[in-house]
Amino acid sequence: MAILPDEIISESGLAMSEAMDAVEVAITRTLTSAISTNVSVRVDKNLEIVAYPIGSGEPIKISLDSINRKLRRHLLHQVELELQCRRTLNEADRLKALRGVSAPGEITRIDADGALFVSLEIADCYRRLIFAGICPPRFQPFHERGRYTYGSVKEFYITSVVPVMVNRRSTKVRILLSRTSRELPRLLLQERSRVSGIRCLKRIPGAYSCIMTPARIPKDVINSVGKELEEHLHVSILKTYR
């Protein structure tokens, strides 16, 4: 299939069946729009294109040689976009498990509007995985805005993992981060103390958090989380009555 170099399929990271389906969808959609005629495409060992005239007439097979060079380049571009889109959707689906967890991240870039670009390191089944995330100003505590520095490491809460369009030409997975979430102090305390069932009843980022815990949390753990968030933690032990 001259229109589609083999390396494009192999580099897509998709299963062969899904990659072939993506190719068929992209070519069908593009040709149908380009020639204003219903088109079916089948990819097996060869590429088979059949056009169905609107109204009446017999189906017509279209060979690659009959497609002009400019349209062939456009077809190849659309195939690459479709493969990338499917790869992004698969990646987003795999990374959904990250939503709702906390992770340390190194600030690698700060945009003019104050958005933080962060390199996250997450442990997964004895591996260390590196992901890129973004923390917009609205998810940064007021007292921290404008004070972040390149290379500094902070704890972030992962609020969402979604596929997004980039310049209408490509897709990528966006990991959205927060330093203001009420869940962040709870998760940090839980991770560092190994006490489960901790709840954060209220949080004003940079001021205080009201924490309820079913068991005592060591003071040094409370202090370490308070220092990380630069706020006071009011920790109360939940009393049970029989």
Protein backbone atom coordinates (compact mmCIF):
# COMPACT_ATOMS: atom_id res chain seq x y z
CA MET A 1 0.00 0.00 0.00
CA ALA A 2 2.13 2.84 -1.32
CA ILE A 3 0.13 5.57 0.35
CA LEU A 4 0.95 4.27 3.83
CA PRO A 5 4.57 3.51 4.80
CA ASP A 6 4.84 0.48 7.11
CA GLU A 7 6.69 2.47 9.77
CA ILE A 8 3.65 4.70 10.33
CA ILE A 9 1.65 1.67 11.44
CA SER A 10 4.44 0.18 13.55
CA GLU A 11 5.20 3.50 15.25
CA SER A 12 1.53 4.12 16.08
CA GLY A 13 1.73 1.63 18.96
CA LEU A 14 -1.75 0.34 18.12
CA ALA A 15 -2.86 -3.24 17.60
CA MET A 16 -2.86 -4.07 13.89
CA SER A 17 -6.65 -4.41 13.74
CA GLU A 18 -7.19 -1.01 15.36
CA ALA A 19 -4.55 0.62 13.17
CA MET A 20 -6.17 -0.78 10.01
CA ASP A 21 -9.58 0.41 11.18
CA ALA A 22 -8.14 3.89 11.75
CA VAL A 23 -6.69 3.89 8.23
CA GLU A 24 -10.02 2.86 6.72
CA VAL A 25 -11.94 5.51 8.67
CA ALA A 26 -9.52 8.31 7.78
CA ILE A 27 -9.39 7.50 4.06
CA THR A 28 -13.16 6.98 3.81
CA ARG A 29 -13.93 10.27 5.56
CA THR A 30 -11.39 12.25 3.54
CA LEU A 31 -12.27 10.86 0.11
CA THR A 32 -16.02 11.15 0.72
CA SER A 33 -15.53 14.83 1.47
CA ALA A 34 -13.05 15.41 -1.37
CA ILE A 35 -15.08 13.87 -4.22
CA SER A 36 -18.59 14.38 -2.75
CA THR A 37 -19.46 10.71 -3.28
CA ASN A 38 -20.06 7.84 -0.88
CA VAL A 39 -16.90 5.78 -0.54
CA SER A 40 -16.02 2.48 1.12
CA VAL A 41 -12.46 1.52 1.96
CA ARG A 42 -11.06 -1.87 2.89
CA VAL A 43 -7.51 -2.48 3.99
CA ASP A 44 -6.18 -6.02 3.85
CA LYS A 45 -3.05 -6.92 1.95
CA ASN A 46 -4.00 -4.17 -0.45
CA LEU A 47 -5.99 -0.97 -0.30
CA GLU A 48 -9.39 -1.27 -1.95
CA ILE A 49 -11.43 1.89 -2.58
CA VAL A 50 -14.93 1.76 -4.06
CA ALA A 51 -17.03 4.84 -4.92
CA TYR A 52 -20.82 4.65 -5.03
CA PRO A 53 -22.34 7.26 -7.37
CA ILE A 54 -25.16 9.22 -5.78
CA GLY A 55 -28.45 8.42 -7.47
CA SER A 56 -27.75 5.67 -9.99
CA GLY A 57 -24.78 3.95 -11.49
CA GLU A 58 -22.50 1.04 -10.79
CA PRO A 59 -19.88 1.14 -8.03
CA ILE A 60 -16.50 2.30 -9.31
CA LYS A 61 -13.16 1.03 -8.06
CA ILE A 62 -10.63 3.81 -7.47
CA SER A 63 -6.94 3.06 -7.79
CA LEU A 64 -4.24 5.01 -5.99
CA ASP A 65 -2.75 5.99 -9.33
CA SER A 66 -5.95 7.84 -10.24
CA ILE A 67 -5.72 10.02 -7.11
CA ASN A 68 -3.66 13.15 -7.67
CA ARG A 69 -0.52 13.73 -5.64
CA LYS A 70 -1.95 16.60 -3.58
CA LEU A 71 -4.94 14.51 -2.46
CA ARG A 72 -2.70 11.56 -1.65
CA ARG A 73 -0.58 13.76 0.62
CA HIS A 74 -3.78 14.96 2.30
CA LEU A 75 -4.92 11.35 2.77
CA LEU A 76 -1.61 10.41 4.37
CA HIS A 77 -1.82 13.40 6.71
CA GLN A 78 -5.37 12.48 7.77
CA VAL A 79 -4.32 8.87 8.39
CA GLU A 80 -1.48 10.04 10.64
CA LEU A 81 -3.88 12.30 12.57
CA GLU A 82 -6.39 9.46 13.05
CA LEU A 83 -3.67 7.10 14.29
CA GLN A 84 -2.38 9.73 16.69
CA CYS A 85 -5.91 10.43 17.95
CA ARG A 86 -6.53 6.76 18.69
CA ARG A 87 -3.16 6.43 20.39
CA THR A 88 -4.00 9.43 22.56
CA LEU A 89 -7.42 8.01 23.49
CA ASN A 90 -5.81 4.70 24.45
CA GLU A 91 -3.19 6.48 26.53
CA ALA A 92 -5.84 8.59 28.28
CA ASP A 93 -7.82 5.45 29.06
CA ARG A 94 -4.74 3.78 30.58
CA LEU A 95 -3.91 6.85 32.64
CA LYS A 96 -7.42 7.33 34.09
CA ALA A 97 -6.23 5.46 37.19
CA LEU A 98 -4.03 8.47 38.00
CA ARG A 99 -7.05 10.70 38.54
CA GLY A 100 -7.62 11.42 42.23
CA VAL A 101 -4.08 10.65 43.42
CA SER A 102 -1.27 12.90 44.59
CA ALA A 103 2.26 12.89 43.22
CA PRO A 104 5.46 14.93 43.54
CA GLY A 105 6.31 16.98 40.48
CA GLU A 106 9.24 19.08 39.34
CA ILE A 107 8.38 22.45 37.80
CA THR A 108 10.03 22.49 34.38
CA ARG A 109 8.41 25.60 32.86
CA ILE A 110 6.34 28.59 33.91
CA ASP A 111 4.14 30.25 31.30
CA ALA A 112 3.66 34.00 31.01
CA ASP A 113 0.18 33.60 32.52
CA GLY A 114 1.64 31.71 35.49
CA ALA A 115 0.65 28.17 34.43
CA LEU A 116 3.08 25.55 35.71
CA PHE A 117 4.37 22.75 33.51
CA VAL A 118 5.31 19.86 35.75
CA SER A 119 7.20 16.60 35.35
CA LEU A 120 5.50 13.98 37.53
CA GLU A 121 7.17 10.83 38.81
CA ILE A 122 4.80 8.05 39.80
CA ALA A 123 5.55 4.52 41.05
CA ASP A 124 3.62 1.80 39.24
CA CYS A 125 4.26 -1.93 39.75
CA TYR A 126 7.92 -1.54 40.61
CA ARG A 127 8.46 0.98 37.80
CA ARG A 128 9.00 4.72 37.92
CA LEU A 129 6.81 6.45 35.33
CA ILE A 130 7.32 10.04 34.18
CA PHE A 131 4.39 12.14 32.96
CA ALA A 132 3.90 15.78 32.03
CA GLY A 133 1.16 17.79 33.75
CA ILE A 134 -0.08 21.37 33.91
CA CYS A 135 -1.26 23.39 36.91
CA PRO A 136 -3.19 26.52 35.83
CA PRO A 137 -3.15 29.63 38.06
CA ARG A 138 -6.74 28.97 39.20
CA PHE A 139 -5.51 25.76 40.84
CA GLN A 140 -2.63 27.48 42.64
CA PRO A 141 -3.05 28.95 46.16
CA PHE A 142 -2.94 32.75 46.21
CA HIS A 143 0.05 32.81 48.54
CA GLU A 144 2.11 30.66 46.14
CA ARG A 145 1.36 32.40 42.85
CA GLY A 146 4.40 34.14 41.41
CA ARG A 147 6.71 32.41 43.92
CA TYR A 148 7.33 29.16 42.07
CA THR A 149 10.83 28.52 40.74
CA TYR A 150 12.21 26.28 38.02
CA GLY A 151 13.42 22.93 39.32
CA SER A 152 11.49 23.10 42.59
CA VAL A 153 9.49 20.01 43.60
CA LYS A 154 5.93 20.28 44.92
CA GLU A 155 3.11 17.87 45.69
CA PHE A 156 0.17 18.00 43.28
CA TYR A 157 -3.31 16.50 43.14
CA ILE A 158 -4.27 15.01 39.75
CA THR A 159 -7.73 16.32 38.97
CA SER A 160 -8.25 14.95 35.45
CA VAL A 161 -6.66 13.05 32.58
CA VAL A 162 -8.23 13.97 29.23
CA PRO A 163 -7.34 13.88 25.52
CA VAL A 164 -7.23 17.36 23.97
CA MET A 165 -6.70 18.87 20.52
CA VAL A 166 -3.53 20.90 19.92
CA ASN A 167 -3.78 23.61 17.25
CA ARG A 168 -6.51 21.55 15.54
CA ARG A 169 -3.79 19.38 14.04
CA SER A 170 -2.85 16.87 16.71
CA THR A 171 -3.96 15.38 20.00
CA LYS A 172 -2.30 14.69 23.30
CA VAL A 173 -3.19 13.65 26.85
CA ARG A 174 -3.49 16.54 29.28
CA ILE A 175 -2.95 15.82 32.97
CA LEU A 176 -4.50 18.64 34.97
CA LEU A 177 -2.97 19.33 38.40
CA SER A 178 -4.08 21.23 41.49
CA ARG A 179 -2.46 22.64 44.63
CA THR A 180 -5.79 23.90 46.00
CA SER A 181 -7.81 20.67 46.18
CA ARG A 182 -9.28 19.70 49.54
CA GLU A 183 -8.10 16.16 48.80
CA LEU A 184 -4.41 17.10 48.74
CA PRO A 185 -3.79 17.38 52.53
CA ARG A 186 -5.82 14.22 53.12
CA LEU A 187 -3.83 12.20 50.61
CA LEU A 188 -0.47 13.48 51.86
CA LEU A 189 -1.33 12.68 55.48
CA GLN A 190 -2.62 9.26 54.50
CA GLU A 191 0.46 8.44 52.44
CA ARG A 192 2.96 9.59 55.06
CA SER A 193 1.20 8.18 58.13
CA ARG A 194 -0.23 4.98 56.60
CA VAL A 195 -3.50 5.77 58.39
CA SER A 196 -6.57 5.15 56.22
CA GLY A 197 -9.97 6.79 56.56
CA ILE A 198 -8.65 10.36 56.95
CA ARG A 199 -11.06 13.11 55.86
CA CYS A 200 -10.54 16.79 55.12
CA LEU A 201 -13.70 18.60 56.24
CA LYS A 202 -12.66 22.07 55.11
CA ARG A 203 -9.67 23.72 53.52
CA ILE A 204 -8.68 27.32 52.84
CA PRO A 205 -5.44 26.90 50.85
CA GLY A 206 -2.54 28.70 52.50
CA ALA A 207 -4.51 29.26 55.73
CA TYR A 208 -5.74 26.02 57.30
CA SER A 209 -7.30 22.60 56.77
CA CYS A 210 -9.67 20.84 59.15
CA ILE A 211 -8.76 17.16 59.27
CA MET A 212 -10.64 14.26 60.87
CA THR A 213 -8.73 11.02 61.44
CA PRO A 214 -9.75 7.64 62.94
CA ALA A 215 -6.31 7.18 64.55
CA ARG A 216 -3.49 9.29 65.89
CA ILE A 217 -1.14 10.78 63.29
CA PRO A 218 2.47 11.44 64.36
CA LYS A 219 3.17 15.12 64.90
CA ASP A 220 6.17 15.11 62.58
CA VAL A 221 3.93 13.86 59.73
CA ILE A 222 1.39 16.62 60.39
CA ASN A 223 4.17 19.21 60.46
CA SER A 224 5.72 17.91 57.22
CA VAL A 225 2.40 18.18 55.35
CA GLY A 226 1.71 21.60 56.86
CA LYS A 227 5.14 22.77 55.72
CA GLU A 228 4.59 21.39 52.21
CA LEU A 229 1.26 23.24 51.88
CA GLU A 230 2.31 26.27 53.95
CA GLU A 231 -0.84 26.09 56.05
CA HIS A 232 -1.92 24.98 59.51
CA LEU A 233 -3.55 21.57 59.89
CA HIS A 234 -6.25 21.25 62.56
CA VAL A 235 -6.25 17.49 63.17
CA SER A 236 -8.97 15.86 65.30
CA ILE A 237 -9.35 12.19 66.16
CA LEU A 238 -12.77 10.77 65.43
CA LYS A 239 -14.20 9.38 68.69
CA THR A 240 -16.34 6.26 68.58
CA TYR A 241 -18.86 5.31 71.20
CA ARG A 242 -20.14 1.88 72.05
